[in-house]
């Protein structure tokens, strides 16, 4: 896995939860929970992405990239996952071990961009 890569997923609402699928790493309806769902809601409210519940693009990387919207900073390991905090959104959320399908280890920072899906 290259940690210089910008990864792309397409979160959407299913049964009231933010989830995403990624066939490349074997994830189906992987949920965002424990505060990460709130981080998504706050970020979408700031960005004003229409119809995000049907799906939006979430780009993320361990390194800054042009056009990024938010930065999450690693806070602590918790219950086999990792807690990240957003100073911009004044909130924190837990990312489950699925994060390690994209990175060899939890990065100190995650850089995010949210975009409408076409």
PDB file of N, CA and C in Angstrom:
ATOM      1  N   UNK A   1       0.835  -1.193   0.000  1.00  0.00           N
ATOM      2  CA  UNK A   1       0.000   0.000   0.000  1.00  0.00           C
ATOM      3  C   UNK A   1       0.873   1.246   0.000  1.00  0.00           C
ATOM      4  N   UNK A   2       0.562   2.164  -0.850  1.00  0.00           N
ATOM      5  CA  UNK A   2       1.288   3.427  -0.893  1.00  0.00           C
ATOM      6  C   UNK A   2       0.560   4.464  -0.058  1.00  0.00           C
ATOM      7  N   UNK A   3       1.267   5.032   0.876  1.00  0.00           N
ATOM      8  CA  UNK A   3       0.631   6.032   1.731  1.00  0.00           C
ATOM      9  C   UNK A   3       0.612   7.404   1.074  1.00  0.00           C
ATOM     10  N   UNK A   4       1.157   7.526  -0.144  1.00  0.00           N
ATOM     11  CA  UNK A   4       1.079   8.782  -0.878  1.00  0.00           C
ATOM     12  C   UNK A   4      -0.155   8.829  -1.763  1.00  0.00           C
ATOM     13  N   UNK A   5      -0.941   7.789  -1.733  1.00  0.00           N
ATOM     14  CA  UNK A   5      -2.116   7.663  -2.581  1.00  0.00           C
ATOM     15  C   UNK A   5      -3.281   8.473  -2.035  1.00  0.00           C
ATOM     16  N   UNK A   6      -4.081   9.006  -2.947  1.00  0.00           N
ATOM     17  CA  UNK A   6      -5.369   9.581  -2.568  1.00  0.00           C
ATOM     18  C   UNK A   6      -6.410   8.498  -2.835  1.00  0.00           C
ATOM     19  N   UNK A   7      -7.077   8.083  -1.783  1.00  0.00           N
ATOM     20  CA  UNK A   7      -8.108   7.055  -1.883  1.00  0.00           C
ATOM     21  C   UNK A   7      -9.460   7.731  -2.100  1.00  0.00           C
ATOM     22  N   UNK A   8     -10.379   7.028  -2.751  1.00  0.00           N
ATOM     23  CA  UNK A   8     -11.717   7.562  -2.999  1.00  0.00           C
ATOM     24  C   UNK A   8     -12.750   6.507  -2.611  1.00  0.00           C
ATOM     25  N   UNK A   9     -13.710   6.918  -1.799  1.00  0.00           N
ATOM     26  CA  UNK A   9     -14.860   6.081  -1.488  1.00  0.00           C
ATOM     27  C   UNK A   9     -16.118   6.910  -1.731  1.00  0.00           C
ATOM     28  N   UNK A  10     -17.266   6.228  -1.771  1.00  0.00           N
ATOM     29  CA  UNK A  10     -18.527   6.915  -2.019  1.00  0.00           C
ATOM     30  C   UNK A  10     -19.517   6.573  -0.898  1.00  0.00           C
ATOM     31  N   UNK A  11     -19.444   7.318   0.216  1.00  0.00           N
ATOM     32  CA  UNK A  11     -20.407   7.082   1.299  1.00  0.00           C
ATOM     33  C   UNK A  11     -21.831   7.435   0.867  1.00  0.00           C
ATOM     34  N   UNK A  12     -22.791   6.732   1.469  1.00  0.00           N
ATOM     35  CA  UNK A  12     -24.208   6.973   1.212  1.00  0.00           C
ATOM     36  C   UNK A  12     -24.981   6.536   2.446  1.00  0.00           C
ATOM     37  N   UNK A  13     -26.229   6.967   2.527  1.00  0.00           N
ATOM     38  CA  UNK A  13     -27.071   6.589   3.659  1.00  0.00           C
ATOM     39  C   UNK A  13     -27.786   5.280   3.348  1.00  0.00           C
ATOM     40  N   UNK A  14     -27.745   4.365   4.307  1.00  0.00           N
ATOM     41  CA  UNK A  14     -28.455   3.095   4.221  1.00  0.00           C
ATOM     42  C   UNK A  14     -29.036   2.807   5.595  1.00  0.00           C
ATOM     43  N   UNK A  15     -30.355   2.655   5.662  1.00  0.00           N
ATOM     44  CA  UNK A  15     -31.037   2.384   6.928  1.00  0.00           C
ATOM     45  C   UNK A  15     -30.670   3.416   8.007  1.00  0.00           C
ATOM     46  N   UNK A  16     -30.475   4.668   7.574  1.00  0.00           N
ATOM     47  CA  UNK A  16     -30.163   5.750   8.504  1.00  0.00           C
ATOM     48  C   UNK A  16     -28.700   5.872   8.894  1.00  0.00           C
ATOM     49  N   UNK A  17     -27.849   5.013   8.351  1.00  0.00           N
ATOM     50  CA  UNK A  17     -26.416   5.038   8.663  1.00  0.00           C
ATOM     51  C   UNK A  17     -25.608   5.485   7.453  1.00  0.00           C
ATOM     52  N   UNK A  18     -24.506   6.187   7.711  1.00  0.00           N
ATOM     53  CA  UNK A  18     -23.539   6.447   6.647  1.00  0.00           C
ATOM     54  C   UNK A  18     -22.717   5.182   6.472  1.00  0.00           C
ATOM     55  N   UNK A  19     -22.665   4.657   5.254  1.00  0.00           N
ATOM     56  CA  UNK A  19     -21.906   3.452   4.932  1.00  0.00           C
ATOM     57  C   UNK A  19     -21.178   3.660   3.606  1.00  0.00           C
ATOM     58  N   UNK A  20     -20.272   2.731   3.290  1.00  0.00           N
ATOM     59  CA  UNK A  20     -19.639   2.748   1.965  1.00  0.00           C
ATOM     60  C   UNK A  20     -19.280   1.330   1.568  1.00  0.00           C
ATOM     61  N   UNK A  21     -19.143   1.138   0.267  1.00  0.00           N
ATOM     62  CA  UNK A  21     -18.714  -0.126  -0.310  1.00  0.00           C
ATOM     63  C   UNK A  21     -17.373   0.109  -0.997  1.00  0.00           C
ATOM     64  N   UNK A  22     -16.497  -0.858  -0.925  1.00  0.00           N
ATOM     65  CA  UNK A  22     -15.251  -0.783  -1.679  1.00  0.00           C
ATOM     66  C   UNK A  22     -14.826  -2.204  -2.039  1.00  0.00           C
ATOM     67  N   UNK A  23     -15.196  -2.626  -3.237  1.00  0.00           N
ATOM     68  CA  UNK A  23     -14.882  -3.975  -3.711  1.00  0.00           C
ATOM     69  C   UNK A  23     -13.378  -4.242  -3.701  1.00  0.00           C
ATOM     70  N   UNK A  24     -12.581  -3.205  -3.933  1.00  0.00           N
ATOM     71  CA  UNK A  24     -11.123  -3.383  -4.006  1.00  0.00           C
ATOM     72  C   UNK A  24     -10.542  -3.939  -2.708  1.00  0.00           C
ATOM     73  N   UNK A  25     -11.173  -3.602  -1.573  1.00  0.00           N
ATOM     74  CA  UNK A  25     -10.644  -4.061  -0.282  1.00  0.00           C
ATOM     75  C   UNK A  25     -11.637  -4.963   0.463  1.00  0.00           C
ATOM     76  N   UNK A  26     -12.715  -5.359  -0.225  1.00  0.00           N
ATOM     77  CA  UNK A  26     -13.650  -6.315   0.346  1.00  0.00           C
ATOM     78  C   UNK A  26     -14.613  -5.758   1.383  1.00  0.00           C
ATOM     79  N   UNK A  27     -15.020  -4.511   1.241  1.00  0.00           N
ATOM     80  CA  UNK A  27     -15.955  -3.904   2.194  1.00  0.00           C
ATOM     81  C   UNK A  27     -17.310  -3.661   1.537  1.00  0.00           C
ATOM     82  N   UNK A  28     -18.371  -4.034   2.237  1.00  0.00           N
ATOM     83  CA  UNK A  28     -19.736  -3.802   1.773  1.00  0.00           C
ATOM     84  C   UNK A  28     -20.531  -3.229   2.936  1.00  0.00           C
ATOM     85  N   UNK A  29     -21.163  -2.098   2.686  1.00  0.00           N
ATOM     86  CA  UNK A  29     -21.955  -1.402   3.705  1.00  0.00           C
ATOM     87  C   UNK A  29     -21.179  -1.236   5.008  1.00  0.00           C
ATOM     88  N   UNK A  30     -19.912  -0.852   4.886  1.00  0.00           N
ATOM     89  CA  UNK A  30     -19.068  -0.593   6.055  1.00  0.00           C
ATOM     90  C   UNK A  30     -19.565   0.700   6.713  1.00  0.00           C
ATOM     91  N   UNK A  31     -20.000   0.643   7.964  1.00  0.00           N
ATOM     92  CA  UNK A  31     -20.612   1.825   8.573  1.00  0.00           C
ATOM     93  C   UNK A  31     -19.596   2.791   9.201  1.00  0.00           C
ATOM     94  N   UNK A  32     -19.971   4.047   9.188  1.00  0.00           N
ATOM     95  CA  UNK A  32     -19.282   5.076   9.957  1.00  0.00           C
ATOM     96  C   UNK A  32     -20.089   5.249  11.241  1.00  0.00           C
ATOM     97  N   UNK A  33     -19.468   5.019  12.386  1.00  0.00           N
ATOM     98  CA  UNK A  33     -20.159   5.070  13.677  1.00  0.00           C
ATOM     99  C   UNK A  33     -19.298   5.822  14.693  1.00  0.00           C
ATOM    100  N   UNK A  34     -19.814   5.930  15.906  1.00  0.00           N
ATOM    101  CA  UNK A  34     -19.060   6.450  17.054  1.00  0.00           C
ATOM    102  C   UNK A  34     -18.449   7.831  16.799  1.00  0.00           C
ATOM    103  N   UNK A  35     -19.276   8.729  16.282  1.00  0.00           N
ATOM    104  CA  UNK A  35     -18.837  10.104  16.065  1.00  0.00           C
ATOM    105  C   UNK A  35     -18.407  10.404  14.649  1.00  0.00           C
ATOM    106  N   UNK A  36     -17.950   9.394  13.910  1.00  0.00           N
ATOM    107  CA  UNK A  36     -17.551   9.646  12.526  1.00  0.00           C
ATOM    108  C   UNK A  36     -18.756   9.994  11.674  1.00  0.00           C
ATOM    109  N   UNK A  37     -19.906   9.420  12.006  1.00  0.00           N
ATOM    110  CA  UNK A  37     -21.143   9.784  11.310  1.00  0.00           C
ATOM    111  C   UNK A  37     -21.465  11.266  11.527  1.00  0.00           C
ATOM    112  N   UNK A  38     -21.231  11.748  12.733  1.00  0.00           N
ATOM    113  CA  UNK A  38     -21.449  13.170  13.036  1.00  0.00           C
ATOM    114  C   UNK A  38     -20.449  14.042  12.295  1.00  0.00           C
ATOM    115  N   UNK A  39     -19.195  13.608  12.222  1.00  0.00           N
ATOM    116  CA  UNK A  39     -18.191  14.358  11.453  1.00  0.00           C
ATOM    117  C   UNK A  39     -18.640  14.505   9.997  1.00  0.00           C
ATOM    118  N   UNK A  40     -19.177  13.431   9.425  1.00  0.00           N
ATOM    119  CA  UNK A  40     -19.660  13.492   8.043  1.00  0.00           C
ATOM    120  C   UNK A  40     -20.803  14.494   7.927  1.00  0.00           C
ATOM    121  N   UNK A  41     -21.763  14.428   8.845  1.00  0.00           N
ATOM    122  CA  UNK A  41     -22.888  15.372   8.809  1.00  0.00           C
ATOM    123  C   UNK A  41     -22.399  16.815   8.892  1.00  0.00           C
ATOM    124  N   UNK A  42     -21.473  17.099   9.802  1.00  0.00           N
ATOM    125  CA  UNK A  42     -20.946  18.459   9.963  1.00  0.00           C
ATOM    126  C   UNK A  42     -20.198  18.917   8.714  1.00  0.00           C
ATOM    127  N   UNK A  43     -19.372  18.031   8.159  1.00  0.00           N
ATOM    128  CA  UNK A  43     -18.602  18.385   6.960  1.00  0.00           C
ATOM    129  C   UNK A  43     -19.526  18.642   5.772  1.00  0.00           C
ATOM    130  N   UNK A  44     -20.549  17.809   5.615  1.00  0.00           N
ATOM    131  CA  UNK A  44     -21.495  18.011   4.520  1.00  0.00           C
ATOM    132  C   UNK A  44     -22.279  19.303   4.678  1.00  0.00           C
ATOM    133  N   UNK A  45     -22.628  19.647   5.904  1.00  0.00           N
ATOM    134  CA  UNK A  45     -23.336  20.909   6.154  1.00  0.00           C
ATOM    135  C   UNK A  45     -22.451  22.096   5.765  1.00  0.00           C
ATOM    136  N   UNK A  46     -21.167  22.022   6.070  1.00  0.00           N
ATOM    137  CA  UNK A  46     -20.244  23.105   5.703  1.00  0.00           C
ATOM    138  C   UNK A  46     -20.064  23.201   4.192  1.00  0.00           C
ATOM    139  N   UNK A  47     -20.007  22.046   3.527  1.00  0.00           N
ATOM    140  CA  UNK A  47     -19.784  22.018   2.079  1.00  0.00           C
ATOM    141  C   UNK A  47     -21.062  22.273   1.278  1.00  0.00           C
ATOM    142  N   UNK A  48     -22.224  21.970   1.845  1.00  0.00           N
ATOM    143  CA  UNK A  48     -23.472  22.180   1.133  1.00  0.00           C
ATOM    144  C   UNK A  48     -23.639  21.272  -0.083  1.00  0.00           C
ATOM    145  N   UNK A  49     -23.276  20.015   0.049  1.00  0.00           N
ATOM    146  CA  UNK A  49     -23.379  19.077  -1.070  1.00  0.00           C
ATOM    147  C   UNK A  49     -24.825  18.583  -1.174  1.00  0.00           C
ATOM    148  N   UNK A  50     -25.476  18.833  -2.308  1.00  0.00           N
ATOM    149  CA  UNK A  50     -26.871  18.407  -2.461  1.00  0.00           C
ATOM    150  C   UNK A  50     -27.001  16.893  -2.606  1.00  0.00           C
ATOM    151  N   UNK A  51     -28.092  16.356  -2.097  1.00  0.00           N
ATOM    152  CA  UNK A  51     -28.435  14.934  -2.228  1.00  0.00           C
ATOM    153  C   UNK A  51     -27.306  14.006  -1.785  1.00  0.00           C
ATOM    154  N   UNK A  52     -26.552  14.408  -0.772  1.00  0.00           N
ATOM    155  CA  UNK A  52     -25.416  13.608  -0.309  1.00  0.00           C
ATOM    156  C   UNK A  52     -25.851  12.236   0.192  1.00  0.00           C
ATOM    157  N   UNK A  53     -27.092  12.132   0.662  1.00  0.00           N
ATOM    158  CA  UNK A  53     -27.575  10.844   1.174  1.00  0.00           C
ATOM    159  C   UNK A  53     -27.540   9.756   0.099  1.00  0.00           C
ATOM    160  N   UNK A  54     -27.668  10.140  -1.171  1.00  0.00           N
ATOM    161  CA  UNK A  54     -27.603   9.173  -2.264  1.00  0.00           C
ATOM    162  C   UNK A  54     -26.162   8.825  -2.623  1.00  0.00           C
ATOM    163  N   UNK A  55     -25.221   9.546  -2.064  1.00  0.00           N
ATOM    164  CA  UNK A  55     -23.808   9.273  -2.291  1.00  0.00           C
ATOM    165  C   UNK A  55     -23.033  10.524  -2.627  1.00  0.00           C
ATOM    166  N   UNK A  56     -21.854  10.619  -2.063  1.00  0.00           N
ATOM    167  CA  UNK A  56     -20.923  11.705  -2.378  1.00  0.00           C
ATOM    168  C   UNK A  56     -19.530  11.087  -2.409  1.00  0.00           C
ATOM    169  N   UNK A  57     -18.595  11.789  -2.998  1.00  0.00           N
ATOM    170  CA  UNK A  57     -17.228  11.286  -3.072  1.00  0.00           C
ATOM    171  C   UNK A  57     -16.431  11.810  -1.886  1.00  0.00           C
ATOM    172  N   UNK A  58     -15.699  10.920  -1.248  1.00  0.00           N
ATOM    173  CA  UNK A  58     -14.822  11.279  -0.140  1.00  0.00           C
ATOM    174  C   UNK A  58     -13.413  10.865  -0.514  1.00  0.00           C
ATOM    175  N   UNK A  59     -12.564  11.852  -0.758  1.00  0.00           N
ATOM    176  CA  UNK A  59     -11.165  11.608  -1.065  1.00  0.00           C
ATOM    177  C   UNK A  59     -10.390  11.728   0.238  1.00  0.00           C
ATOM    178  N   UNK A  60      -9.447  10.819   0.471  1.00  0.00           N
ATOM    179  CA  UNK A  60      -8.658  10.907   1.704  1.00  0.00           C
ATOM    180  C   UNK A  60      -7.239  10.413   1.468  1.00  0.00           C
ATOM    181  N   UNK A  61      -6.319  11.000   2.218  1.00  0.00           N
ATOM    182  CA  UNK A  61      -4.904  10.699   2.079  1.00  0.00           C
ATOM    183  C   UNK A  61      -4.201  10.945   3.411  1.00  0.00           C
ATOM    184  N   UNK A  62      -3.058  10.324   3.577  1.00  0.00           N
ATOM    185  CA  UNK A  62      -2.220  10.583   4.750  1.00  0.00           C
ATOM    186  C   UNK A  62      -1.397  11.853   4.562  1.00  0.00           C
ATOM    187  N   UNK A  63      -1.442  12.425   3.369  1.00  0.00           N
ATOM    188  CA  UNK A  63      -0.640  13.613   3.053  1.00  0.00           C
ATOM    189  C   UNK A  63      -1.531  14.723   2.501  1.00  0.00           C
ATOM    190  N   UNK A  64      -1.168  15.971   2.752  1.00  0.00           N
ATOM    191  CA  UNK A  64      -1.957  17.084   2.194  1.00  0.00           C
ATOM    192  C   UNK A  64      -2.017  16.990   0.672  1.00  0.00           C
ATOM    193  N   UNK A  65      -3.136  17.475   0.113  1.00  0.00           N
ATOM    194  CA  UNK A  65      -3.261  17.518  -1.335  1.00  0.00           C
ATOM    195  C   UNK A  65      -4.092  18.743  -1.729  1.00  0.00           C
ATOM    196  N   UNK A  66      -3.902  19.263  -2.951  1.00  0.00           N
ATOM    197  CA  UNK A  66      -4.631  20.444  -3.394  1.00  0.00           C
ATOM    198  C   UNK A  66      -6.138  20.208  -3.347  1.00  0.00           C
ATOM    199  N   UNK A  67      -6.861  21.164  -2.819  1.00  0.00           N
ATOM    200  CA  UNK A  67      -8.315  21.086  -2.782  1.00  0.00           C
ATOM    201  C   UNK A  67      -8.881  20.404  -1.557  1.00  0.00           C
ATOM    202  N   UNK A  68      -8.033  19.927  -0.662  1.00  0.00           N
ATOM    203  CA  UNK A  68      -8.557  19.259   0.531  1.00  0.00           C
ATOM    204  C   UNK A  68      -9.400  20.230   1.337  1.00  0.00           C
ATOM    205  N   UNK A  69     -10.420  19.680   2.009  1.00  0.00           N
ATOM    206  CA  UNK A  69     -11.338  20.495   2.795  1.00  0.00           C
ATOM    207  C   UNK A  69     -11.042  20.456   4.293  1.00  0.00           C
ATOM    208  N   UNK A  70     -10.659  19.295   4.775  1.00  0.00           N
ATOM    209  CA  UNK A  70     -10.514  19.102   6.215  1.00  0.00           C
ATOM    210  C   UNK A  70      -9.290  18.258   6.519  1.00  0.00           C
ATOM    211  N   UNK A  71      -8.825  18.416   7.761  1.00  0.00           N
ATOM    212  CA  UNK A  71      -7.730  17.598   8.262  1.00  0.00           C
ATOM    213  C   UNK A  71      -8.184  16.971   9.570  1.00  0.00           C
ATOM    214  N   UNK A  72      -7.951  15.688   9.697  1.00  0.00           N
ATOM    215  CA  UNK A  72      -8.233  14.989  10.950  1.00  0.00           C
ATOM    216  C   UNK A  72      -6.906  14.622  11.592  1.00  0.00           C
ATOM    217  N   UNK A  73      -6.815  14.829  12.882  1.00  0.00           N
ATOM    218  CA  UNK A  73      -5.588  14.518  13.604  1.00  0.00           C
ATOM    219  C   UNK A  73      -5.830  13.322  14.523  1.00  0.00           C
ATOM    220  N   UNK A  74      -4.891  12.371  14.492  1.00  0.00           N
ATOM    221  CA  UNK A  74      -4.975  11.180  15.323  1.00  0.00           C
ATOM    222  C   UNK A  74      -4.930  11.587  16.789  1.00  0.00           C
ATOM    223  N   UNK A  75      -5.823  10.996  17.585  1.00  0.00           N
ATOM    224  CA  UNK A  75      -5.892  11.300  19.012  1.00  0.00           C
ATOM    225  C   UNK A  75      -5.434  10.105  19.851  1.00  0.00           C
ATOM    226  N   UNK A  76      -5.997   8.921  19.544  1.00  0.00           N
ATOM    227  CA  UNK A  76      -5.674   7.747  20.355  1.00  0.00           C
ATOM    228  C   UNK A  76      -6.194   6.482  19.666  1.00  0.00           C
ATOM    229  N   UNK A  77      -5.642   5.367  20.081  1.00  0.00           N
ATOM    230  CA  UNK A  77      -6.168   4.069  19.675  1.00  0.00           C
ATOM    231  C   UNK A  77      -7.265   3.704  20.663  1.00  0.00           C
ATOM    232  N   UNK A  78      -8.336   3.108  20.153  1.00  0.00           N
ATOM    233  CA  UNK A  78      -9.455   2.728  21.023  1.00  0.00           C
ATOM    234  C   UNK A  78     -10.200   1.544  20.409  1.00  0.00           C
ATOM    235  N   UNK A  79     -10.367   0.487  21.168  1.00  0.00           N
ATOM    236  CA  UNK A  79     -11.145  -0.681  20.757  1.00  0.00           C
ATOM    237  C   UNK A  79     -10.763  -1.171  19.356  1.00  0.00           C
ATOM    238  N   UNK A  80      -9.490  -1.387  19.134  1.00  0.00           N
ATOM    239  CA  UNK A  80      -8.934  -1.875  17.871  1.00  0.00           C
ATOM    240  C   UNK A  80      -9.067  -0.896  16.713  1.00  0.00           C
ATOM    241  N   UNK A  81      -9.629   0.274  16.955  1.00  0.00           N
ATOM    242  CA  UNK A  81      -9.735   1.321  15.942  1.00  0.00           C
ATOM    243  C   UNK A  81      -8.934   2.537  16.377  1.00  0.00           C
ATOM    244  N   UNK A  82      -9.200   3.669  15.732  1.00  0.00           N
ATOM    245  CA  UNK A  82      -8.466   4.896  16.017  1.00  0.00           C
ATOM    246  C   UNK A  82      -9.415   6.077  16.053  1.00  0.00           C
ATOM    247  N   UNK A  83      -9.194   6.956  17.026  1.00  0.00           N
ATOM    248  CA  UNK A  83      -9.997   8.160  17.169  1.00  0.00           C
ATOM    249  C   UNK A  83      -9.234   9.317  16.530  1.00  0.00           C
ATOM    250  N   UNK A  84      -9.959  10.075  15.696  1.00  0.00           N
ATOM    251  CA  UNK A  84      -9.407  11.259  15.043  1.00  0.00           C
ATOM    252  C   UNK A  84     -10.255  12.460  15.420  1.00  0.00           C
ATOM    253  N   UNK A  85      -9.612  13.631  15.462  1.00  0.00           N
ATOM    254  CA  UNK A  85     -10.292  14.875  15.810  1.00  0.00           C
ATOM    255  C   UNK A  85     -10.141  15.874  14.678  1.00  0.00           C
ATOM    256  N   UNK A  86     -11.224  16.622  14.433  1.00  0.00           N
ATOM    257  CA  UNK A  86     -11.203  17.717  13.466  1.00  0.00           C
ATOM    258  C   UNK A  86     -11.301  19.034  14.219  1.00  0.00           C
ATOM    259  N   UNK A  87     -10.260  19.842  14.135  1.00  0.00           N
ATOM    260  CA  UNK A  87     -10.297  21.168  14.760  1.00  0.00           C
ATOM    261  C   UNK A  87     -11.316  22.054  14.041  1.00  0.00           C
ATOM    262  N   UNK A  88     -11.443  21.890  12.710  1.00  0.00           N
ATOM    263  CA  UNK A  88     -12.379  22.699  11.925  1.00  0.00           C
ATOM    264  C   UNK A  88     -13.825  22.425  12.318  1.00  0.00           C
ATOM    265  N   UNK A  89     -14.133  21.166  12.605  1.00  0.00           N
ATOM    266  CA  UNK A  89     -15.511  20.771  12.892  1.00  0.00           C
ATOM    267  C   UNK A  89     -15.792  20.648  14.389  1.00  0.00           C
ATOM    268  N   UNK A  90     -14.744  20.817  15.201  1.00  0.00           N
ATOM    269  CA  UNK A  90     -14.870  20.741  16.665  1.00  0.00           C
ATOM    270  C   UNK A  90     -15.527  19.441  17.111  1.00  0.00           C
ATOM    271  N   UNK A  91     -15.061  18.331  16.537  1.00  0.00           N
ATOM    272  CA  UNK A  91     -15.644  17.033  16.857  1.00  0.00           C
ATOM    273  C   UNK A  91     -14.596  15.953  16.612  1.00  0.00           C
ATOM    274  N   UNK A  92     -14.856  14.772  17.173  1.00  0.00           N
ATOM    275  CA  UNK A  92     -13.979  13.646  16.931  1.00  0.00           C
ATOM    276  C   UNK A  92     -14.811  12.411  16.633  1.00  0.00           C
ATOM    277  N   UNK A  93     -14.174  11.449  15.988  1.00  0.00           N
ATOM    278  CA  UNK A  93     -14.867  10.221  15.635  1.00  0.00           C
ATOM    279  C   UNK A  93     -13.907   9.054  15.579  1.00  0.00           C
ATOM    280  N   UNK A  94     -14.470   7.872  15.735  1.00  0.00           N
ATOM    281  CA  UNK A  94     -13.706   6.630  15.752  1.00  0.00           C
ATOM    282  C   UNK A  94     -13.739   5.988  14.376  1.00  0.00           C
ATOM    283  N   UNK A  95     -12.581   5.597  13.890  1.00  0.00           N
ATOM    284  CA  UNK A  95     -12.482   4.855  12.634  1.00  0.00           C
ATOM    285  C   UNK A  95     -12.108   3.422  12.962  1.00  0.00           C
ATOM    286  N   UNK A  96     -12.898   2.493  12.460  1.00  0.00           N
ATOM    287  CA  UNK A  96     -12.719   1.074  12.774  1.00  0.00           C
ATOM    288  C   UNK A  96     -11.464   0.526  12.104  1.00  0.00           C
ATOM    289  N   UNK A  97     -11.120  -0.726  12.389  1.00  0.00           N
ATOM    290  CA  UNK A  97      -9.925  -1.323  11.795  1.00  0.00           C
ATOM    291  C   UNK A  97      -9.926  -1.376  10.266  1.00  0.00           C
ATOM    292  N   UNK A  98     -11.041  -1.106   9.618  1.00  0.00           N
ATOM    293  CA  UNK A  98     -11.057  -1.052   8.149  1.00  0.00           C
ATOM    294  C   UNK A  98     -10.099   0.016   7.621  1.00  0.00           C
ATOM    295  N   UNK A  99      -9.750   0.999   8.446  1.00  0.00           N
ATOM    296  CA  UNK A  99      -8.772   2.017   8.049  1.00  0.00           C
ATOM    297  C   UNK A  99      -7.474   1.356   7.584  1.00  0.00           C
ATOM    298  N   UNK A 100      -7.145   0.231   8.199  1.00  0.00           N
ATOM    299  CA  UNK A 100      -5.889  -0.449   7.880  1.00  0.00           C
ATOM    300  C   UNK A 100      -5.957  -1.219   6.565  1.00  0.00           C
ATOM    301  N   UNK A 101      -7.087  -1.198   5.903  1.00  0.00           N
ATOM    302  CA  UNK A 101      -7.171  -1.717   4.539  1.00  0.00           C
ATOM    303  C   UNK A 101      -6.595  -0.699   3.551  1.00  0.00           C
ATOM    304  N   UNK A 102      -6.440   0.537   4.012  1.00  0.00           N
ATOM    305  CA  UNK A 102      -5.931   1.615   3.163  1.00  0.00           C
ATOM    306  C   UNK A 102      -4.526   2.073   3.557  1.00  0.00           C
ATOM    307  N   UNK A 103      -4.151   1.842   4.806  1.00  0.00           N
ATOM    308  CA  UNK A 103      -2.860   2.283   5.319  1.00  0.00           C
ATOM    309  C   UNK A 103      -2.234   1.153   6.133  1.00  0.00           C
ATOM    310  N   UNK A 104      -0.910   1.076   6.122  1.00  0.00           N
ATOM    311  CA  UNK A 104      -0.210   0.058   6.900  1.00  0.00           C
ATOM    312  C   UNK A 104      -0.399   0.269   8.397  1.00  0.00           C
ATOM    313  N   UNK A 105      -0.527   1.525   8.787  1.00  0.00           N
ATOM    314  CA  UNK A 105      -0.809   1.889  10.177  1.00  0.00           C
ATOM    315  C   UNK A 105      -1.610   3.170  10.167  1.00  0.00           C
ATOM    316  N   UNK A 106      -2.259   3.471  11.271  1.00  0.00           N
ATOM    317  CA  UNK A 106      -3.085   4.688  11.337  1.00  0.00           C
ATOM    318  C   UNK A 106      -2.189   5.911  11.137  1.00  0.00           C
ATOM    319  N   UNK A 107      -2.478   6.728  10.124  1.00  0.00           N
ATOM    320  CA  UNK A 107      -1.649   7.915   9.890  1.00  0.00           C
ATOM    321  C   UNK A 107      -1.848   8.965  10.991  1.00  0.00           C
ATOM    322  N   UNK A 108      -0.835   9.764  11.256  1.00  0.00           N
ATOM    323  CA  UNK A 108      -0.970  10.832  12.249  1.00  0.00           C
ATOM    324  C   UNK A 108      -2.028  11.868  11.852  1.00  0.00           C
ATOM    325  N   UNK A 109      -2.207  12.037  10.540  1.00  0.00           N
ATOM    326  CA  UNK A 109      -3.225  12.962  10.034  1.00  0.00           C
ATOM    327  C   UNK A 109      -3.890  12.345   8.817  1.00  0.00           C
ATOM    328  N   UNK A 110      -5.175  12.656   8.667  1.00  0.00           N
ATOM    329  CA  UNK A 110      -5.912  12.297   7.468  1.00  0.00           C
ATOM    330  C   UNK A 110      -6.390  13.591   6.820  1.00  0.00           C
ATOM    331  N   UNK A 111      -6.207  13.694   5.529  1.00  0.00           N
ATOM    332  CA  UNK A 111      -6.602  14.870   4.765  1.00  0.00           C
ATOM    333  C   UNK A 111      -7.782  14.466   3.892  1.00  0.00           C
ATOM    334  N   UNK A 112      -8.857  15.261   3.945  1.00  0.00           N
ATOM    335  CA  UNK A 112     -10.120  14.885   3.315  1.00  0.00           C
ATOM    336  C   UNK A 112     -10.629  15.942   2.356  1.00  0.00           C
ATOM    337  N   UNK A 113     -11.300  15.483   1.320  1.00  0.00           N
ATOM    338  CA  UNK A 113     -12.060  16.355   0.427  1.00  0.00           C
ATOM    339  C   UNK A 113     -13.380  15.684   0.143  1.00  0.00           C
ATOM    340  N   UNK A 114     -14.465  16.453   0.250  1.00  0.00           N
ATOM    341  CA  UNK A 114     -15.807  15.962  -0.043  1.00  0.00           C
ATOM    342  C   UNK A 114     -16.276  16.601  -1.332  1.00  0.00           C
ATOM    343  N   UNK A 115     -16.841  15.790  -2.234  1.00  0.00           N
ATOM    344  CA  UNK A 115     -17.292  16.290  -3.520  1.00  0.00           C
ATOM    345  C   UNK A 115     -18.632  15.660  -3.879  1.00  0.00           C
ATOM    346  N   UNK A 116     -19.460  16.382  -4.632  1.00  0.00           N
ATOM    347  CA  UNK A 116     -20.697  15.765  -5.108  1.00  0.00           C
ATOM    348  C   UNK A 116     -20.388  14.612  -6.043  1.00  0.00           C
ATOM    349  N   UNK A 117     -21.252  13.613  -6.017  1.00  0.00           N
ATOM    350  CA  UNK A 117     -21.144  12.510  -6.962  1.00  0.00           C
ATOM    351  C   UNK A 117     -21.923  12.887  -8.212  1.00  0.00           C
ATOM    352  N   UNK A 118     -21.467  12.461  -9.347  1.00  0.00           N
ATOM    353  CA  UNK A 118     -22.166  12.808 -10.609  1.00  0.00           C
ATOM    354  C   UNK A 118     -23.198  11.787 -10.957  1.00  0.00           C
TER     355      UNK A 118
END
